[in-house]
């Protein structure tokens, strides 16, 4: 994650995880966003400076809207690498939320 390179650990590793979930909103799907009244620009807007100064970034408001609508997470298009995306879970391995487990050792 290029936006977070200053906060990275010097030791990075890639792990494989298995996720089982429903209620994932795909931010690349304009019709899904329209149904929920979400503007993609709000979801992908820069947030770090706003949060650092004590404000509430628009992407956090989008997250709150999605949780209110019953979503468990979202698929977020990469801001720095077009064509790539990220899975963001709001919670996992608790109650009726998504199930996440590390695959292999």
Protein backbone atom coordinates (compact mmCIF):
# COMPACT_ATOMS: atom_id res chain seq x y z
CA UNK A 1 0.00 0.00 0.00
CA UNK A 2 1.87 2.97 -1.31
CA UNK A 3 -0.13 5.47 0.76
CA UNK A 4 1.06 3.80 3.97
CA UNK A 5 4.73 3.22 3.10
CA UNK A 6 6.02 5.36 5.99
CA UNK A 7 4.16 3.24 8.54
CA UNK A 8 5.29 -0.13 7.15
CA UNK A 9 7.21 -2.68 9.11
CA UNK A 10 10.69 -3.36 7.77
CA UNK A 11 9.75 -7.05 7.70
CA UNK A 12 7.04 -7.79 5.14
CA UNK A 13 5.55 -11.16 4.27
CA UNK A 14 2.74 -12.42 2.10
CA UNK A 15 0.26 -14.84 3.59
CA UNK A 16 -2.64 -16.65 2.00
CA UNK A 17 -6.00 -16.30 3.71
CA UNK A 18 -9.40 -17.82 3.06
CA UNK A 19 -12.43 -15.59 3.51
CA UNK A 20 -16.07 -16.68 3.61
CA UNK A 21 -18.55 -13.86 3.64
CA UNK A 22 -21.73 -12.38 2.33
CA UNK A 23 -22.64 -8.72 2.25
CA UNK A 24 -19.55 -7.47 0.45
CA UNK A 25 -20.21 -4.28 -1.54
CA UNK A 26 -18.15 -3.89 -4.69
CA UNK A 27 -17.20 -0.22 -5.06
CA UNK A 28 -16.42 -0.93 -8.73
CA UNK A 29 -20.15 -1.61 -9.32
CA UNK A 30 -21.77 1.74 -10.09
CA UNK A 31 -25.31 0.32 -9.92
CA UNK A 32 -24.71 -1.09 -6.42
CA UNK A 33 -23.37 2.29 -5.30
CA UNK A 34 -26.34 4.11 -6.81
CA UNK A 35 -28.78 1.82 -4.96
CA UNK A 36 -27.03 2.68 -1.69
CA UNK A 37 -26.72 6.40 -2.47
CA UNK A 38 -22.91 6.30 -2.33
CA UNK A 39 -20.64 8.46 -4.46
CA UNK A 40 -17.43 6.60 -5.40
CA UNK A 41 -15.47 9.86 -5.05
CA UNK A 42 -16.40 9.95 -1.35
CA UNK A 43 -15.28 6.35 -0.88
CA UNK A 44 -11.86 6.80 -2.49
CA UNK A 45 -11.04 10.33 -1.32
CA UNK A 46 -7.75 10.90 0.54
CA UNK A 47 -8.31 10.51 4.26
CA UNK A 48 -5.04 10.60 6.20
CA UNK A 49 -4.62 14.39 6.52
CA UNK A 50 -8.29 14.82 7.47
CA UNK A 51 -8.08 12.14 10.17
CA UNK A 52 -4.78 13.53 11.48
CA UNK A 53 -6.34 16.97 11.88
CA UNK A 54 -9.30 15.51 13.81
CA UNK A 55 -11.83 15.50 10.99
CA UNK A 56 -14.01 12.69 9.69
CA UNK A 57 -12.97 11.60 6.20
CA UNK A 58 -15.74 10.98 3.67
CA UNK A 59 -14.56 7.37 3.27
CA UNK A 60 -15.30 6.77 6.95
CA UNK A 61 -18.81 8.11 6.43
CA UNK A 62 -19.19 5.71 3.48
CA UNK A 63 -18.09 2.84 5.74
CA UNK A 64 -20.72 3.85 8.30
CA UNK A 65 -23.40 3.94 5.56
CA UNK A 66 -22.41 0.47 4.38
CA UNK A 67 -22.47 -0.97 7.90
CA UNK A 68 -25.90 0.58 8.43
CA UNK A 69 -27.05 -1.12 5.21
CA UNK A 70 -25.85 -4.49 6.57
CA UNK A 71 -22.59 -4.80 4.66
CA UNK A 72 -19.72 -6.85 6.08
CA UNK A 73 -17.08 -5.22 3.92
CA UNK A 74 -16.21 -3.85 0.53
CA UNK A 75 -14.07 -4.35 -2.52
CA UNK A 76 -12.05 -1.18 -2.92
CA UNK A 77 -10.41 -0.26 -6.24
CA UNK A 78 -6.70 0.53 -5.89
CA UNK A 79 -6.00 4.24 -6.08
CA UNK A 80 -2.37 3.73 -7.14
CA UNK A 81 -2.59 0.59 -9.30
CA UNK A 82 -5.58 0.69 -11.69
CA UNK A 83 -7.06 -2.74 -12.26
CA UNK A 84 -6.16 -3.99 -8.77
CA UNK A 85 -8.52 -4.00 -5.80
CA UNK A 86 -8.53 -4.71 -2.06
CA UNK A 87 -10.94 -6.60 0.15
CA UNK A 88 -11.80 -4.58 3.25
CA UNK A 89 -13.69 -6.33 6.06
CA UNK A 90 -15.38 -4.28 8.76
CA UNK A 91 -15.12 -7.19 11.24
CA UNK A 92 -14.28 -10.88 11.10
CA UNK A 93 -14.31 -14.08 13.14
CA UNK A 94 -17.00 -12.81 15.48
CA UNK A 95 -20.71 -13.49 15.65
CA UNK A 96 -22.31 -13.84 12.23
CA UNK A 97 -19.56 -11.84 10.50
CA UNK A 98 -17.12 -13.03 7.87
CA UNK A 99 -14.90 -16.01 8.59
CA UNK A 100 -11.17 -15.57 7.96
CA UNK A 101 -8.42 -18.15 8.36
CA UNK A 102 -4.77 -18.38 7.40
CA UNK A 103 -4.13 -21.08 4.80
CA UNK A 104 -1.04 -23.23 5.36
CA UNK A 105 1.68 -22.61 7.92
